[in-house]
Protein backbone atom coordinates (compact mmCIF):
# COMPACT_ATOMS: atom_id res chain seq x y z
CA MET A 1 111.02 -7.74 10.20
CA ILE A 2 107.72 -9.53 10.78
CA ASP A 3 107.86 -12.86 12.52
CA PRO A 4 106.03 -15.73 10.78
CA PRO A 5 102.76 -16.88 12.39
CA VAL A 6 103.03 -19.55 14.95
CA ASP A 7 101.27 -22.80 14.17
CA PRO A 8 98.42 -23.50 16.68
CA VAL A 9 99.16 -26.16 19.21
CA GLU A 10 96.65 -29.01 19.36
CA ASP A 11 94.82 -29.26 22.63
CA ASP A 12 93.91 -32.83 23.48
CA ALA A 13 91.41 -31.54 26.02
CA ALA A 14 89.50 -29.63 23.36
CA GLY A 15 88.56 -32.55 21.21
CA SER A 16 89.24 -36.12 20.27
CA GLU A 17 89.45 -37.84 16.94
CA THR A 18 86.61 -40.16 15.89
CA SER A 19 86.81 -43.20 13.70
CA ALA A 20 85.95 -41.01 10.68
CA GLY A 21 88.88 -38.63 11.31
CA GLU A 22 86.65 -35.89 12.69
CA THR A 23 86.84 -34.24 16.04
CA ARG A 24 84.04 -33.73 18.50
CA PRO A 25 83.89 -31.80 21.74
CA ASP A 26 84.54 -33.81 24.84
CA GLY A 27 83.56 -31.22 27.39
CA LYS A 28 80.61 -31.65 29.71
CA ASP A 29 78.98 -28.57 28.20
CA PHE A 30 78.44 -30.51 24.96
CA ASP A 31 76.47 -33.45 26.35
CA LEU A 32 73.80 -34.10 23.70
CA GLY A 33 72.01 -36.86 25.53
CA VAL A 34 74.17 -39.69 24.23
CA LEU A 35 73.82 -42.79 26.33
CA GLY A 36 76.21 -42.72 29.20
CA SER A 37 77.19 -45.33 31.66
CA GLY A 38 73.79 -45.29 33.43
CA PRO A 39 70.72 -47.10 31.95
CA ARG A 40 68.22 -45.01 30.00
CA PHE A 41 64.60 -45.37 31.12
CA ASP A 42 62.18 -45.99 28.26
CA TYR A 43 59.06 -44.02 29.21
CA LEU A 44 57.22 -45.00 26.02
CA ARG A 45 57.49 -48.70 26.78
CA MET A 46 56.50 -48.13 30.38
CA ALA A 47 53.35 -46.24 29.30
CA ALA A 48 52.44 -48.96 26.79
CA GLY A 49 52.87 -51.64 29.44
CA VAL A 50 50.66 -49.76 31.90
CA ILE A 51 47.91 -49.29 29.28
CA ILE A 52 47.99 -52.97 28.28
CA GLY A 53 47.88 -54.05 31.93
CA LEU A 54 44.90 -51.81 32.66
CA GLY A 55 43.11 -53.14 29.59
CA ILE A 56 43.58 -56.75 30.70
CA LEU A 57 42.37 -55.84 34.20
CA VAL A 58 39.21 -54.16 32.87
CA ILE A 59 38.41 -57.13 30.60
CA ALA A 60 38.87 -59.53 33.52
CA LEU A 61 36.62 -57.45 35.79
CA PHE A 62 33.83 -57.31 33.22
CA SER A 63 34.18 -61.01 32.34
CA PHE A 64 34.43 -62.61 35.79
CA THR A 65 32.52 -60.21 38.03
CA ASP A 66 29.15 -58.40 38.05
CA LEU A 67 30.82 -55.02 37.47
CA SER A 68 29.09 -54.61 34.10
CA LEU A 69 25.69 -55.03 35.76
CA VAL A 70 26.57 -52.37 38.33
CA LEU A 71 27.93 -49.85 35.83
CA VAL A 72 25.32 -50.56 33.14
CA PRO A 73 22.10 -51.69 34.85
CA MET A 74 19.74 -53.72 32.69
CA ASN A 75 16.32 -52.17 32.23
CA ASP A 76 13.14 -54.07 31.39
CA GLU A 77 13.36 -53.31 27.66
CA TYR A 78 16.90 -54.67 27.44
CA LEU A 79 15.96 -57.82 29.37
CA ASP A 80 12.99 -58.42 27.07
CA VAL A 81 15.34 -58.41 24.09
CA LEU A 82 17.61 -61.00 25.71
CA ARG A 83 14.76 -63.28 26.79
CA PRO A 84 14.09 -66.02 24.16
CA SER A 85 10.67 -66.34 22.54
CA ALA A 86 8.54 -69.46 22.92
CA GLY A 87 8.21 -71.67 19.87
CA ASP A 88 4.47 -72.19 20.48
CA ASP A 89 1.53 -70.22 21.81
CA SER A 90 2.19 -71.14 25.44
CA GLY A 91 4.50 -68.21 26.11
CA TYR A 92 7.00 -70.45 27.92
CA PRO A 93 10.41 -70.69 26.24
CA PHE A 94 11.55 -73.50 28.59
CA ILE A 95 9.89 -76.75 29.70
CA LEU A 96 10.65 -78.63 32.90
CA ASP A 97 10.54 -82.30 31.89
CA ASP A 98 11.77 -83.99 35.04
CA LEU A 99 12.73 -83.04 38.57
CA GLY A 100 13.79 -85.19 41.49
CA ASN A 101 15.42 -84.80 44.86
CA THR A 102 16.94 -86.84 47.66
CA LEU A 103 17.43 -85.77 51.27
CA GLU A 104 20.05 -87.17 53.61
CA GLY A 105 20.19 -85.36 56.92
CA ASN A 106 20.65 -81.68 56.12
CA THR A 107 21.93 -82.32 52.59
CA LEU A 108 19.54 -81.89 49.67
CA THR A 109 20.34 -83.14 46.16
CA VAL A 110 18.25 -81.92 43.22
CA ASN A 111 18.50 -83.02 39.60
CA GLY A 112 16.32 -82.30 36.61
CA VAL A 113 15.81 -82.15 32.87
CA MET A 114 14.59 -79.18 30.85
CA THR A 115 13.80 -78.58 27.17
CA ASN A 116 14.49 -75.56 25.03
CA ASN A 117 11.01 -74.64 23.77
CA SER A 118 12.18 -71.40 22.18
CA THR A 119 12.70 -70.51 18.54
CA GLY A 120 16.50 -70.45 18.64
CA ILE A 121 19.62 -71.82 20.27
CA VAL A 122 20.03 -70.81 23.91
CA GLU A 123 23.42 -70.70 25.58
CA ASN A 124 24.63 -70.55 29.17
CA VAL A 125 21.33 -71.49 30.80
CA LEU A 126 21.35 -71.60 34.60
CA ALA A 127 18.98 -73.50 36.87
CA VAL A 128 18.45 -71.25 39.89
CA ILE A 129 17.48 -73.34 42.92
CA GLU A 130 16.47 -71.65 46.18
CA VAL A 131 16.32 -73.92 49.21
CA GLU A 132 14.68 -73.15 52.56
CA GLU A 133 15.13 -75.01 55.82
CA THR A 134 12.74 -75.52 58.72
CA THR A 135 13.45 -72.22 60.47
CA GLY A 136 13.43 -70.12 57.30
CA ARG A 137 16.39 -68.10 58.56
CA PHE A 138 19.20 -69.60 56.49
CA PRO A 139 18.07 -70.12 52.88
CA ALA A 140 20.50 -70.98 50.12
CA THR A 141 20.46 -69.97 46.45
CA LEU A 142 22.50 -71.87 43.88
CA GLU A 143 22.95 -71.18 40.17
CA ILE A 144 23.67 -74.45 38.40
CA PRO A 145 24.83 -74.51 34.74
CA VAL A 146 22.57 -76.58 32.51
CA ASP A 147 24.44 -79.11 30.38
CA PRO A 148 25.12 -78.75 27.46
CA GLU A 149 26.19 -75.12 27.26
CA ALA A 150 24.31 -74.57 23.98
CA ILE A 151 20.86 -76.14 23.56
CA GLU A 152 19.19 -76.37 20.18
CA PRO A 153 15.41 -75.79 19.83
CA GLY A 154 13.60 -78.91 20.97
CA GLU A 155 16.71 -80.35 22.63
CA THR A 156 17.08 -81.05 26.35
CA GLY A 157 19.56 -80.12 29.04
CA THR A 158 20.27 -81.53 32.50
CA PHE A 159 21.23 -80.02 35.83
CA SER A 160 22.19 -81.36 39.26
CA MET A 161 23.25 -79.85 42.57
CA SER A 162 23.75 -80.67 46.27
CA VAL A 163 23.61 -78.30 49.23
CA THR A 164 23.91 -78.75 52.97
CA LEU A 165 22.03 -76.34 55.25
CA ARG A 166 22.27 -75.69 58.97
CA GLN A 167 18.84 -77.17 59.51
CA ARG A 168 16.84 -79.79 57.64
CA PRO A 169 15.67 -78.47 54.22
CA ASN A 170 11.92 -78.55 53.78
CA SER A 171 11.20 -76.81 50.44
CA TYR A 172 12.86 -75.49 47.33
CA ARG A 173 11.94 -73.68 44.14
CA VAL A 174 13.34 -73.85 40.63
CA GLN A 175 13.74 -71.12 38.05
CA PHE A 176 15.77 -70.75 34.88
CA LYS A 177 17.79 -67.77 33.72
CA LEU A 178 20.50 -66.86 31.25
CA LEU A 179 24.03 -66.14 32.41
CA ASN A 180 24.24 -62.37 33.06
CA GLY A 181 20.73 -62.15 31.66
CA PRO A 182 17.05 -62.36 32.58
CA PHE A 183 14.97 -65.10 34.15
CA VAL A 184 13.12 -67.19 31.57
CA PRO A 185 9.59 -68.53 32.30
CA HIS A 186 9.04 -72.26 32.08
CA ARG A 187 6.13 -74.68 32.28
CA ASP A 188 6.01 -78.03 34.06
CA GLU A 189 5.44 -81.16 31.99
CA ARG A 190 6.96 -83.73 34.32
CA GLY A 191 5.81 -87.27 33.75
CA GLY A 192 3.60 -86.31 30.80
CA ARG A 193 1.20 -84.43 33.05
CA ALA A 194 -0.77 -81.45 31.82
CA VAL A 195 0.71 -77.99 32.13
CA ILE A 196 0.39 -76.71 35.67
CA ALA A 197 -1.71 -73.64 36.32
CA PHE A 198 0.70 -70.76 35.92
CA PRO A 199 -0.32 -67.12 35.57
CA PRO A 200 0.88 -65.33 32.43
CA PRO A 201 4.64 -65.84 31.97
CA ASP A 202 6.30 -64.06 34.84
CA PRO A 203 9.89 -64.72 35.95
CA ASP A 204 8.93 -63.70 39.48
CA THR A 205 6.48 -66.61 39.77
CA PRO A 206 8.73 -69.61 40.54
CA LEU A 207 7.86 -73.25 40.92
CA ARG A 208 7.75 -74.20 44.61
CA LEU A 209 8.02 -77.80 45.72
CA ASN A 210 7.81 -79.51 49.07
CA ILE A 211 10.54 -82.04 49.61
CA ASP A 212 9.32 -85.61 49.75
C-alpha cells in the first residue's frame, strides 16, 4: 500500500506574504537594493550641486577679478576694436571740459567734467588719476567711475576723488579708459581754450598737471 503524499509544511523563514497575497524572499541573499534603514546617498544630486557651484565660482572670478585678462590677454587689435571712434576729425573720442583740484596737507582732491566725443554710447568710463608726491617714491593710482555709467554722444560725465599720500602731493595726471578695456585718448578744452598740443592720439601720452 502506497502512503499518500505529505502536504509541504510552510516555512515562515522562507518567505512572507505581501499586501497583494504574494510571497517574497526575506533572506539576506535576496537583497535587491531596496532602501533599508540607513539613508541612501544621491550621487547624481551631489554631482549636479558641485557643477553648479563651480559654475557660479567661475562666473564670479571672471566678473569681479582680472582673471579674464590673465587667461585671455588683450592684444592691440582687440583693444582697437573696443576703443570708441571720434565723432570728428580730431581723433579724440573724449574731451576734458573741466578739471580742478584742492590740496589740504597731504590730501589731494580732484574733480572734473568730460564729454563723450565719440560716435556712440560709451559705458563704464573710468578716470585714471595718477598722483605723485615730493619724493616720487610713493605714487598712487586711482580709477574713478565717471557718472553717469552710460554717456550718450555729446553728453558729459563727471568724476571726483580724494587721496592722501605719505608726503605732500605735487603733480598728477589724468587719463580715461573703459572698464576692463583700453585707454581712450582725450583732448583738453577747459575754459574754452584751444586744444592743447598733443601728438597723434596715444593712450600712453597722459595729461600732466602741476598742483596749484
